[in-house]
Amino acid sequence: MEGGETLDAFAGKISGMAARYVGLGSTLEDSAMVKKLLDSVPDRLYANVTGMKQFCDVNSMPSEEALGRLKAFEERLRRRGQAGGEWADGELMYTAAQWQARQRR
């Protein structure tokens, strides 16, 4: 999954791949689609992926459920304002050196 790509666009690519499998006379099971989806999400969604792998049976999970869980997590991140390294109050996170320099002023 590319950095600026949406989850819906990437899920469309995986669905297109499943359609090509059918055209070749084979099938791409939901478990394989879920594995491909979870293995290729960006780092900002990694916490959700680990939670899903730990607490859900991803081998029997439908791909729509996995996509829905990822989209819900991404929406929560967006609402809290933490995507892109910002806190909800709009202040950026500082490194230790930046914080010390700011405290000296």
PDB file of N, CA and C in Angstrom:
ATOM      1  N   MET A   1       0.849  -1.173   0.000  1.00  0.00           N
ATOM      2  CA  MET A   1       0.000   0.000   0.000  1.00  0.00           C
ATOM      3  C   MET A   1       0.890   1.230   0.000  1.00  0.00           C
ATOM      4  N   GLU A   2       0.627   2.133  -0.903  1.00  0.00           N
ATOM      5  CA  GLU A   2       1.410   3.357  -1.006  1.00  0.00           C
ATOM      6  C   GLU A   2       0.986   4.344   0.074  1.00  0.00           C
ATOM      7  N   GLY A   3       1.863   5.264   0.420  1.00  0.00           N
ATOM      8  CA  GLY A   3       1.630   6.191   1.512  1.00  0.00           C
ATOM      9  C   GLY A   3       0.360   7.012   1.399  1.00  0.00           C
ATOM     10  N   GLY A   4       0.060   7.560   0.243  1.00  0.00           N
ATOM     11  CA  GLY A   4      -1.109   8.402   0.085  1.00  0.00           C
ATOM     12  C   GLY A   4      -2.359   7.670  -0.371  1.00  0.00           C
ATOM     13  N   GLU A   5      -2.266   6.365  -0.501  1.00  0.00           N
ATOM     14  CA  GLU A   5      -3.382   5.571  -1.010  1.00  0.00           C
ATOM     15  C   GLU A   5      -4.405   5.326   0.094  1.00  0.00           C
ATOM     16  N   THR A   6      -5.682   5.414  -0.248  1.00  0.00           N
ATOM     17  CA  THR A   6      -6.726   5.162   0.736  1.00  0.00           C
ATOM     18  C   THR A   6      -6.937   3.668   0.901  1.00  0.00           C
ATOM     19  N   LEU A   7      -7.550   3.308   2.016  1.00  0.00           N
ATOM     20  CA  LEU A   7      -7.844   1.897   2.264  1.00  0.00           C
ATOM     21  C   LEU A   7      -8.819   1.348   1.226  1.00  0.00           C
ATOM     22  N   ASP A   8      -9.785   2.160   0.822  1.00  0.00           N
ATOM     23  CA  ASP A   8     -10.747   1.703  -0.177  1.00  0.00           C
ATOM     24  C   ASP A   8     -10.074   1.408  -1.511  1.00  0.00           C
ATOM     25  N   ALA A   9      -9.150   2.271  -1.918  1.00  0.00           N
ATOM     26  CA  ALA A   9      -8.442   2.059  -3.181  1.00  0.00           C
ATOM     27  C   ALA A   9      -7.598   0.790  -3.123  1.00  0.00           C
ATOM     28  N   PHE A  10      -6.936   0.574  -2.003  1.00  0.00           N
ATOM     29  CA  PHE A  10      -6.106  -0.617  -1.872  1.00  0.00           C
ATOM     30  C   PHE A  10      -6.965  -1.874  -1.814  1.00  0.00           C
ATOM     31  N   ALA A  11      -8.098  -1.805  -1.108  1.00  0.00           N
ATOM     32  CA  ALA A  11      -9.008  -2.955  -1.062  1.00  0.00           C
ATOM     33  C   ALA A  11      -9.548  -3.252  -2.462  1.00  0.00           C
ATOM     34  N   GLY A  12      -9.752  -2.214  -3.265  1.00  0.00           N
ATOM     35  CA  GLY A  12     -10.177  -2.415  -4.648  1.00  0.00           C
ATOM     36  C   GLY A  12      -9.128  -3.158  -5.454  1.00  0.00           C
ATOM     37  N   LYS A  13      -7.862  -2.852  -5.200  1.00  0.00           N
ATOM     38  CA  LYS A  13      -6.784  -3.572  -5.891  1.00  0.00           C
ATOM     39  C   LYS A  13      -6.784  -5.053  -5.514  1.00  0.00           C
ATOM     40  N   ILE A  14      -6.980  -5.321  -4.220  1.00  0.00           N
ATOM     41  CA  ILE A  14      -7.003  -6.718  -3.784  1.00  0.00           C
ATOM     42  C   ILE A  14      -8.217  -7.441  -4.362  1.00  0.00           C
ATOM     43  N   SER A  15      -9.361  -6.763  -4.415  1.00  0.00           N
ATOM     44  CA  SER A  15     -10.558  -7.363  -5.020  1.00  0.00           C
ATOM     45  C   SER A  15     -10.347  -7.616  -6.505  1.00  0.00           C
ATOM     46  N   GLY A  16      -9.667  -6.694  -7.176  1.00  0.00           N
ATOM     47  CA  GLY A  16      -9.350  -6.900  -8.591  1.00  0.00           C
ATOM     48  C   GLY A  16      -8.437  -8.093  -8.788  1.00  0.00           C
ATOM     49  N   MET A  17      -7.501  -8.277  -7.859  1.00  0.00           N
ATOM     50  CA  MET A  17      -6.620  -9.427  -7.922  1.00  0.00           C
ATOM     51  C   MET A  17      -7.424 -10.719  -7.736  1.00  0.00           C
ATOM     52  N   ALA A  18      -8.412 -10.690  -6.825  1.00  0.00           N
ATOM     53  CA  ALA A  18      -9.268 -11.859  -6.617  1.00  0.00           C
ATOM     54  C   ALA A  18     -10.078 -12.159  -7.874  1.00  0.00           C
ATOM     55  N   ALA A  19     -10.536 -11.114  -8.561  1.00  0.00           N
ATOM     56  CA  ALA A  19     -11.286 -11.315  -9.808  1.00  0.00           C
ATOM     57  C   ALA A  19     -10.400 -11.927 -10.888  1.00  0.00           C
ATOM     58  N   ARG A  20      -9.138 -11.512 -10.940  1.00  0.00           N
ATOM     59  CA  ARG A  20      -8.214 -12.107 -11.909  1.00  0.00           C
ATOM     60  C   ARG A  20      -7.960 -13.581 -11.598  1.00  0.00           C
ATOM     61  N   TYR A  21      -7.903 -13.929 -10.323  1.00  0.00           N
ATOM     62  CA  TYR A  21      -7.751 -15.330  -9.936  1.00  0.00           C
ATOM     63  C   TYR A  21      -8.915 -16.148 -10.471  1.00  0.00           C
ATOM     64  N   VAL A  22     -10.137 -15.612 -10.325  1.00  0.00           N
ATOM     65  CA  VAL A  22     -11.329 -16.315 -10.811  1.00  0.00           C
ATOM     66  C   VAL A  22     -11.249 -16.477 -12.322  1.00  0.00           C
ATOM     67  N   GLY A  23     -10.776 -15.443 -13.010  1.00  0.00           N
ATOM     68  CA  GLY A  23     -10.627 -15.522 -14.462  1.00  0.00           C
ATOM     69  C   GLY A  23      -9.631 -16.574 -14.895  1.00  0.00           C
ATOM     70  N   LEU A  24      -8.680 -16.878 -14.037  1.00  0.00           N
ATOM     71  CA  LEU A  24      -7.681 -17.903 -14.340  1.00  0.00           C
ATOM     72  C   LEU A  24      -8.108 -19.292 -13.870  1.00  0.00           C
ATOM     73  N   GLY A  25      -9.307 -19.381 -13.289  1.00  0.00           N
ATOM     74  CA  GLY A  25      -9.816 -20.679 -12.866  1.00  0.00           C
ATOM     75  C   GLY A  25      -9.475 -21.053 -11.443  1.00  0.00           C
ATOM     76  N   SER A  26      -9.062 -20.103 -10.634  1.00  0.00           N
ATOM     77  CA  SER A  26      -8.729 -20.365  -9.233  1.00  0.00           C
ATOM     78  C   SER A  26      -9.493 -19.375  -8.367  1.00  0.00           C
ATOM     79  N   THR A  27      -9.386 -19.527  -7.078  1.00  0.00           N
ATOM     80  CA  THR A  27     -10.035 -18.575  -6.176  1.00  0.00           C
ATOM     81  C   THR A  27      -9.029 -18.072  -5.157  1.00  0.00           C
ATOM     82  N   LEU A  28      -9.241 -16.851  -4.731  1.00  0.00           N
ATOM     83  CA  LEU A  28      -8.434 -16.246  -3.673  1.00  0.00           C
ATOM     84  C   LEU A  28      -9.337 -16.181  -2.450  1.00  0.00           C
ATOM     85  N   GLU A  29      -9.044 -17.020  -1.476  1.00  0.00           N
ATOM     86  CA  GLU A  29      -9.863 -17.116  -0.274  1.00  0.00           C
ATOM     87  C   GLU A  29      -9.823 -15.819   0.527  1.00  0.00           C
ATOM     88  N   ASP A  30     -10.859 -15.613   1.349  1.00  0.00           N
ATOM     89  CA  ASP A  30     -10.912 -14.432   2.202  1.00  0.00           C
ATOM     90  C   ASP A  30      -9.715 -14.364   3.146  1.00  0.00           C
ATOM     91  N   SER A  31      -9.285 -15.509   3.657  1.00  0.00           N
ATOM     92  CA  SER A  31      -8.146 -15.503   4.585  1.00  0.00           C
ATOM     93  C   SER A  31      -6.887 -14.984   3.900  1.00  0.00           C
ATOM     94  N   ALA A  32      -6.696 -15.335   2.633  1.00  0.00           N
ATOM     95  CA  ALA A  32      -5.536 -14.844   1.889  1.00  0.00           C
ATOM     96  C   ALA A  32      -5.658 -13.353   1.620  1.00  0.00           C
ATOM     97  N   MET A  33      -6.874 -12.885   1.322  1.00  0.00           N
ATOM     98  CA  MET A  33      -7.085 -11.461   1.082  1.00  0.00           C
ATOM     99  C   MET A  33      -6.844 -10.659   2.363  1.00  0.00           C
ATOM    100  N   VAL A  34      -7.298 -11.177   3.506  1.00  0.00           N
ATOM    101  CA  VAL A  34      -7.091 -10.505   4.785  1.00  0.00           C
ATOM    102  C   VAL A  34      -5.604 -10.450   5.099  1.00  0.00           C
ATOM    103  N   LYS A  35      -4.893 -11.547   4.858  1.00  0.00           N
ATOM    104  CA  LYS A  35      -3.460 -11.579   5.119  1.00  0.00           C
ATOM    105  C   LYS A  35      -2.736 -10.545   4.259  1.00  0.00           C
ATOM    106  N   LYS A  36      -3.087 -10.454   2.982  1.00  0.00           N
ATOM    107  CA  LYS A  36      -2.466  -9.471   2.100  1.00  0.00           C
ATOM    108  C   LYS A  36      -2.772  -8.047   2.570  1.00  0.00           C
ATOM    109  N   LEU A  37      -3.997  -7.815   3.000  1.00  0.00           N
ATOM    110  CA  LEU A  37      -4.392  -6.491   3.473  1.00  0.00           C
ATOM    111  C   LEU A  37      -3.619  -6.112   4.735  1.00  0.00           C
ATOM    112  N   LEU A  38      -3.567  -7.020   5.701  1.00  0.00           N
ATOM    113  CA  LEU A  38      -2.910  -6.711   6.975  1.00  0.00           C
ATOM    114  C   LEU A  38      -1.398  -6.618   6.848  1.00  0.00           C
ATOM    115  N   ASP A  39      -0.827  -7.347   5.910  1.00  0.00           N
ATOM    116  CA  ASP A  39       0.625  -7.315   5.738  1.00  0.00           C
ATOM    117  C   ASP A  39       1.115  -6.084   4.992  1.00  0.00           C
ATOM    118  N   SER A  40       0.221  -5.339   4.397  1.00  0.00           N
ATOM    119  CA  SER A  40       0.673  -4.232   3.557  1.00  0.00           C
ATOM    120  C   SER A  40       0.124  -2.871   3.963  1.00  0.00           C
ATOM    121  N   VAL A  41      -0.444  -2.752   5.153  1.00  0.00           N
ATOM    122  CA  VAL A  41      -0.943  -1.443   5.585  1.00  0.00           C
ATOM    123  C   VAL A  41       0.220  -0.559   6.041  1.00  0.00           C
ATOM    124  N   PRO A  42       0.051   0.759   5.992  1.00  0.00           N
ATOM    125  CA  PRO A  42       1.128   1.661   6.429  1.00  0.00           C
ATOM    126  C   PRO A  42       1.321   1.598   7.947  1.00  0.00           C
ATOM    127  N   ASP A  43       2.429   2.157   8.397  1.00  0.00           N
ATOM    128  CA  ASP A  43       2.808   2.090   9.804  1.00  0.00           C
ATOM    129  C   ASP A  43       1.787   2.746  10.734  1.00  0.00           C
ATOM    130  N   ARG A  44       1.066   3.734  10.259  1.00  0.00           N
ATOM    131  CA  ARG A  44       0.115   4.423  11.136  1.00  0.00           C
ATOM    132  C   ARG A  44      -1.015   3.490  11.587  1.00  0.00           C
ATOM    133  N   LEU A  45      -1.243   2.404  10.863  1.00  0.00           N
ATOM    134  CA  LEU A  45      -2.296   1.453  11.210  1.00  0.00           C
ATOM    135  C   LEU A  45      -1.759   0.184  11.859  1.00  0.00           C
ATOM    136  N   TYR A  46      -0.462   0.152  12.126  1.00  0.00           N
ATOM    137  CA  TYR A  46       0.168  -1.069  12.627  1.00  0.00           C
ATOM    138  C   TYR A  46      -0.382  -1.488  13.990  1.00  0.00           C
ATOM    139  N   ALA A  47      -0.716  -0.538  14.845  1.00  0.00           N
ATOM    140  CA  ALA A  47      -1.268  -0.875  16.165  1.00  0.00           C
ATOM    141  C   ALA A  47      -2.578  -1.633  16.029  1.00  0.00           C
ATOM    142  N   ASN A  48      -3.391  -1.242  15.087  1.00  0.00           N
ATOM    143  CA  ASN A  48      -4.655  -1.930  14.866  1.00  0.00           C
ATOM    144  C   ASN A  48      -4.429  -3.329  14.307  1.00  0.00           C
ATOM    145  N   VAL A  49      -3.468  -3.473  13.416  1.00  0.00           N
ATOM    146  CA  VAL A  49      -3.175  -4.780  12.831  1.00  0.00           C
ATOM    147  C   VAL A  49      -2.730  -5.759  13.917  1.00  0.00           C
ATOM    148  N   THR A  50      -1.861  -5.311  14.806  1.00  0.00           N
ATOM    149  CA  THR A  50      -1.402  -6.203  15.868  1.00  0.00           C
ATOM    150  C   THR A  50      -2.550  -6.587  16.794  1.00  0.00           C
ATOM    151  N   GLY A  51      -3.429  -5.650  17.080  1.00  0.00           N
ATOM    152  CA  GLY A  51      -4.600  -5.962  17.898  1.00  0.00           C
ATOM    153  C   GLY A  51      -5.514  -6.966  17.225  1.00  0.00           C
ATOM    154  N   MET A  52      -5.725  -6.796  15.932  1.00  0.00           N
ATOM    155  CA  MET A  52      -6.577  -7.736  15.200  1.00  0.00           C
ATOM    156  C   MET A  52      -5.959  -9.134  15.184  1.00  0.00           C
ATOM    157  N   LYS A  53      -4.649  -9.196  14.970  1.00  0.00           N
ATOM    158  CA  LYS A  53      -3.993 -10.506  14.937  1.00  0.00           C
ATOM    159  C   LYS A  53      -3.995 -11.160  16.311  1.00  0.00           C
ATOM    160  N   GLN A  54      -3.961 -10.360  17.362  1.00  0.00           N
ATOM    161  CA  GLN A  54      -3.906 -10.902  18.700  1.00  0.00           C
ATOM    162  C   GLN A  54      -5.278 -11.337  19.210  1.00  0.00           C
ATOM    163  N   PHE A  55      -6.323 -10.568  18.905  1.00  0.00           N
ATOM    164  CA  PHE A  55      -7.613 -10.817  19.517  1.00  0.00           C
ATOM    165  C   PHE A  55      -8.681 -11.372  18.568  1.00  0.00           C
ATOM    166  N   CYS A  56      -8.411 -11.437  17.284  1.00  0.00           N
ATOM    167  CA  CYS A  56      -9.387 -11.940  16.323  1.00  0.00           C
ATOM    168  C   CYS A  56      -8.827 -13.157  15.597  1.00  0.00           C
ATOM    169  N   ASP A  57      -9.716 -13.970  15.095  1.00  0.00           N
ATOM    170  CA  ASP A  57      -9.292 -15.105  14.279  1.00  0.00           C
ATOM    171  C   ASP A  57      -9.232 -14.624  12.832  1.00  0.00           C
ATOM    172  N   VAL A  58      -8.056 -14.158  12.408  1.00  0.00           N
ATOM    173  CA  VAL A  58      -7.933 -13.581  11.066  1.00  0.00           C
ATOM    174  C   VAL A  58      -8.031 -14.644   9.976  1.00  0.00           C
ATOM    175  N   ASN A  59      -7.889 -15.922  10.332  1.00  0.00           N
ATOM    176  CA  ASN A  59      -8.014 -16.985   9.329  1.00  0.00           C
ATOM    177  C   ASN A  59      -9.453 -17.198   8.891  1.00  0.00           C
ATOM    178  N   SER A  60     -10.402 -16.833   9.750  1.00  0.00           N
ATOM    179  CA  SER A  60     -11.810 -16.987   9.380  1.00  0.00           C
ATOM    180  C   SER A  60     -12.523 -15.647   9.225  1.00  0.00           C
ATOM    181  N   MET A  61     -11.777 -14.542   9.339  1.00  0.00           N
ATOM    182  CA  MET A  61     -12.368 -13.210   9.242  1.00  0.00           C
ATOM    183  C   MET A  61     -12.647 -12.851   7.779  1.00  0.00           C
ATOM    184  N   PRO A  62     -13.859 -12.371   7.485  1.00  0.00           N
ATOM    185  CA  PRO A  62     -14.135 -11.902   6.122  1.00  0.00           C
ATOM    186  C   PRO A  62     -13.310 -10.646   5.807  1.00  0.00           C
ATOM    187  N   SER A  63     -12.951 -10.471   4.561  1.00  0.00           N
ATOM    188  CA  SER A  63     -12.130  -9.320   4.183  1.00  0.00           C
ATOM    189  C   SER A  63     -12.862  -8.003   4.433  1.00  0.00           C
ATOM    190  N   GLU A  64     -14.189  -7.995   4.318  1.00  0.00           N
ATOM    191  CA  GLU A  64     -14.952  -6.776   4.581  1.00  0.00           C
ATOM    192  C   GLU A  64     -14.844  -6.358   6.046  1.00  0.00           C
ATOM    193  N   GLU A  65     -14.818  -7.335   6.957  1.00  0.00           N
ATOM    194  CA  GLU A  65     -14.683  -7.020   8.377  1.00  0.00           C
ATOM    195  C   GLU A  65     -13.303  -6.432   8.674  1.00  0.00           C
ATOM    196  N   ALA A  66     -12.270  -7.031   8.092  1.00  0.00           N
ATOM    197  CA  ALA A  66     -10.909  -6.516   8.302  1.00  0.00           C
ATOM    198  C   ALA A  66     -10.795  -5.091   7.778  1.00  0.00           C
ATOM    199  N   LEU A  67     -11.328  -4.844   6.592  1.00  0.00           N
ATOM    200  CA  LEU A  67     -11.290  -3.504   6.021  1.00  0.00           C
ATOM    201  C   LEU A  67     -12.076  -2.524   6.883  1.00  0.00           C
ATOM    202  N   GLY A  68     -13.224  -2.942   7.368  1.00  0.00           N
ATOM    203  CA  GLY A  68     -14.032  -2.082   8.232  1.00  0.00           C
ATOM    204  C   GLY A  68     -13.324  -1.723   9.521  1.00  0.00           C
ATOM    205  N   ARG A  69     -12.629  -2.691  10.119  1.00  0.00           N
ATOM    206  CA  ARG A  69     -11.882  -2.418  11.344  1.00  0.00           C
ATOM    207  C   ARG A  69     -10.747  -1.427  11.088  1.00  0.00           C
ATOM    208  N   LEU A  70     -10.048  -1.600   9.967  1.00  0.00           N
ATOM    209  CA  LEU A  70      -8.958  -0.680   9.630  1.00  0.00           C
ATOM    210  C   LEU A  70      -9.478   0.722   9.361  1.00  0.00           C
ATOM    211  N   LYS A  71     -10.602   0.830   8.657  1.00  0.00           N
ATOM    212  CA  LYS A  71     -11.172   2.142   8.356  1.00  0.00           C
ATOM    213  C   LYS A  71     -11.659   2.835   9.627  1.00  0.00           C
ATOM    214  N   ALA A  72     -12.237   2.072  10.554  1.00  0.00           N
ATOM    215  CA  ALA A  72     -12.697   2.655  11.816  1.00  0.00           C
ATOM    216  C   ALA A  72     -11.518   3.182  12.630  1.00  0.00           C
ATOM    217  N   PHE A  73     -10.423   2.427  12.658  1.00  0.00           N
ATOM    218  CA  PHE A  73      -9.239   2.860  13.386  1.00  0.00           C
ATOM    219  C   PHE A  73      -8.649   4.117  12.754  1.00  0.00           C
ATOM    220  N   GLU A  74      -8.585   4.145  11.427  1.00  0.00           N
ATOM    221  CA  GLU A  74      -8.051   5.316  10.732  1.00  0.00           C
ATOM    222  C   GLU A  74      -8.918   6.545  11.001  1.00  0.00           C
ATOM    223  N   GLU A  75     -10.225   6.353  11.055  1.00  0.00           N
ATOM    224  CA  GLU A  75     -11.133   7.461  11.347  1.00  0.00           C
ATOM    225  C   GLU A  75     -10.916   7.982  12.765  1.00  0.00           C
ATOM    226  N   ARG A  76     -10.700   7.075  13.711  1.00  0.00           N
ATOM    227  CA  ARG A  76     -10.418   7.503  15.086  1.00  0.00           C
ATOM    228  C   ARG A  76      -9.125   8.311  15.154  1.00  0.00           C
ATOM    229  N   LEU A  77      -8.115   7.865  14.422  1.00  0.00           N
ATOM    230  CA  LEU A  77      -6.862   8.623  14.384  1.00  0.00           C
ATOM    231  C   LEU A  77      -7.085  10.017  13.824  1.00  0.00           C
ATOM    232  N   ARG A  78      -7.844  10.084  12.754  1.00  0.00           N
ATOM    233  CA  ARG A  78      -8.104  11.376  12.114  1.00  0.00           C
ATOM    234  C   ARG A  78      -8.887  12.291  13.057  1.00  0.00           C
ATOM    235  N   ARG A  79      -9.886  11.739  13.749  1.00  0.00           N
ATOM    236  CA  ARG A  79     -10.685  12.548  14.669  1.00  0.00           C
ATOM    237  C   ARG A  79      -9.870  13.058  15.843  1.00  0.00           C
ATOM    238  N   ARG A  80      -8.961  12.251  16.326  1.00  0.00           N
ATOM    239  CA  ARG A  80      -8.141  12.670  17.461  1.00  0.00           C
ATOM    240  C   ARG A  80      -7.035  13.619  17.039  1.00  0.00           C
ATOM    241  N   GLY A  81      -6.778  13.709  15.742  1.00  0.00           N
ATOM    242  CA  GLY A  81      -5.779  14.637  15.254  1.00  0.00           C
ATOM    243  C   GLY A  81      -4.364  14.148  15.421  1.00  0.00           C
ATOM    244  N   GLN A  82      -4.182  12.855  15.634  1.00  0.00           N
ATOM    245  CA  GLN A  82      -2.850  12.329  15.858  1.00  0.00           C
ATOM    246  C   GLN A  82      -2.176  11.866  14.576  1.00  0.00           C
ATOM    247  N   ALA A  83      -2.881  11.820  13.488  1.00  0.00           N
ATOM    248  CA  ALA A  83      -2.255  11.432  12.227  1.00  0.00           C
ATOM    249  C   ALA A  83      -1.313  12.543  11.795  1.00  0.00           C
ATOM    250  N   GLY A  84      -0.127  12.204  11.397  1.00  0.00           N
ATOM    251  CA  GLY A  84       0.835  13.195  10.957  1.00  0.00           C
ATOM    252  C   GLY A  84       1.680  13.759  12.080  1.00  0.00           C
ATOM    253  N   GLY A  85       1.634  13.163  13.261  1.00  0.00           N
ATOM    254  CA  GLY A  85       2.506  13.585  14.344  1.00  0.00           C
ATOM    255  C   GLY A  85       2.007  14.765  15.146  1.00  0.00           C
ATOM    256  N   GLU A  86       0.726  15.080  15.091  1.00  0.00           N
ATOM    257  CA  GLU A  86       0.198  16.198  15.861  1.00  0.00           C
ATOM    258  C   GLU A  86      -0.746  15.685  16.933  1.00  0.00           C
ATOM    259  N   TRP A  87      -0.796  16.381  18.041  1.00  0.00           N
ATOM    260  CA  TRP A  87      -1.725  16.067  19.103  1.00  0.00           C
ATOM    261  C   TRP A  87      -3.048  16.753  18.812  1.00  0.00           C
ATOM    262  N   ALA A  88      -4.060  16.402  19.541  1.00  0.00           N
ATOM    263  CA  ALA A  88      -5.393  16.943  19.299  1.00  0.00           C
ATOM    264  C   ALA A  88      -5.448  18.447  19.494  1.00  0.00           C
ATOM    265  N   ASP A  89      -4.581  19.007  20.358  1.00  0.00           N
ATOM    266  CA  ASP A  89      -4.620  20.447  20.574  1.00  0.00           C
ATOM    267  C   ASP A  89      -3.820  21.210  19.528  1.00  0.00           C
ATOM    268  N   GLY A  90      -3.261  20.513  18.540  1.00  0.00           N
ATOM    269  CA  GLY A  90      -2.578  21.160  17.446  1.00  0.00           C
ATOM    270  C   GLY A  90      -1.101  21.413  17.663  1.00  0.00           C
ATOM    271  N   GLU A  91      -0.563  21.077  18.832  1.00  0.00           N
ATOM    272  CA  GLU A  91       0.853  21.288  19.084  1.00  0.00           C
ATOM    273  C   GLU A  91       1.651  20.096  18.579  1.00  0.00           C
ATOM    274  N   LEU A  92       2.760  20.396  17.953  1.00  0.00           N
ATOM    275  CA  LEU A  92       3.617  19.328  17.457  1.00  0.00           C
ATOM    276  C   LEU A  92       4.392  18.703  18.604  1.00  0.00           C
ATOM    277  N   MET A  93       4.769  17.456  18.414  1.00  0.00           N
ATOM    278  CA  MET A  93       5.611  16.797  19.400  1.00  0.00           C
ATOM    279  C   MET A  93       7.049  17.239  19.167  1.00  0.00           C
ATOM    280  N   TYR A  94       7.773  17.539  20.236  1.00  0.00           N
ATOM    281  CA  TYR A  94       9.151  17.993  20.146  1.00  0.00           C
ATOM    282  C   TYR A  94      10.104  16.863  20.516  1.00  0.00           C
ATOM    283  N   THR A  95      11.287  16.888  19.943  1.00  0.00           N
ATOM    284  CA  THR A  95      12.346  16.005  20.408  1.00  0.00           C
ATOM    285  C   THR A  95      12.875  16.567  21.721  1.00  0.00           C
ATOM    286  N   ALA A  96      13.678  15.782  22.438  1.00  0.00           N
ATOM    287  CA  ALA A  96      14.211  16.246  23.721  1.00  0.00           C
ATOM    288  C   ALA A  96      15.056  17.515  23.530  1.00  0.00           C
ATOM    289  N   ALA A  97      15.869  17.558  22.474  1.00  0.00           N
ATOM    290  CA  ALA A  97      16.716  18.726  22.223  1.00  0.00           C
ATOM    291  C   ALA A  97      15.863  19.954  21.890  1.00  0.00           C
ATOM    292  N   GLN A  98      14.810  19.768  21.109  1.00  0.00           N
ATOM    293  CA  GLN A  98      13.935  20.891  20.780  1.00  0.00           C
ATOM    294  C   GLN A  98      13.221  21.410  22.024  1.00  0.00           C
ATOM    295  N   TRP A  99      12.804  20.499  22.902  1.00  0.00           N
ATOM    296  CA  TRP A  99      12.111  20.907  24.117  1.00  0.00           C
ATOM    297  C   TRP A  99      13.035  21.690  25.037  1.00  0.00           C
ATOM    298  N   GLN A 100      14.283  21.223  25.170  1.00  0.00           N
ATOM    299  CA  GLN A 100      15.251  21.931  26.012  1.00  0.00           C
ATOM    300  C   GLN A 100      15.533  23.323  25.457  1.00  0.00           C
ATOM    301  N   ALA A 101      15.689  23.431  24.132  1.00  0.00           N
ATOM    302  CA  ALA A 101      15.930  24.735  23.516  1.00  0.00           C
ATOM    303  C   ALA A 101      14.728  25.656  23.742  1.00  0.00           C
ATOM    304  N   ARG A 102      13.548  25.119  23.687  1.00  0.00           N
ATOM    305  CA  ARG A 102      12.350  25.922  23.910  1.00  0.00           C
ATOM    306  C   ARG A 102      12.271  26.367  25.369  1.00  0.00           C
ATOM    307  N   GLN A 103      12.649  25.500  26.299  1.00  0.00           N
ATOM    308  CA  GLN A 103      12.609  25.843  27.716  1.00  0.00           C
ATOM    309  C   GLN A 103      13.603  26.943  28.058  1.00  0.00           C
ATOM    310  N   ARG A 104      14.762  26.966  27.355  1.00  0.00           N
ATOM    311  CA  ARG A 104      15.783  27.984  27.616  1.00  0.00           C
ATOM    312  C   ARG A 104      15.284  29.375  27.227  1.00  0.00           C
ATOM    313  N   ARG A 105      14.431  29.467  26.229  1.00  0.00           N
ATOM    314  CA  ARG A 105      13.919  30.765  25.782  1.00  0.00           C
ATOM    315  C   ARG A 105      12.950  31.298  26.730  1.00  0.00           C
TER     316      ARG A 105
END
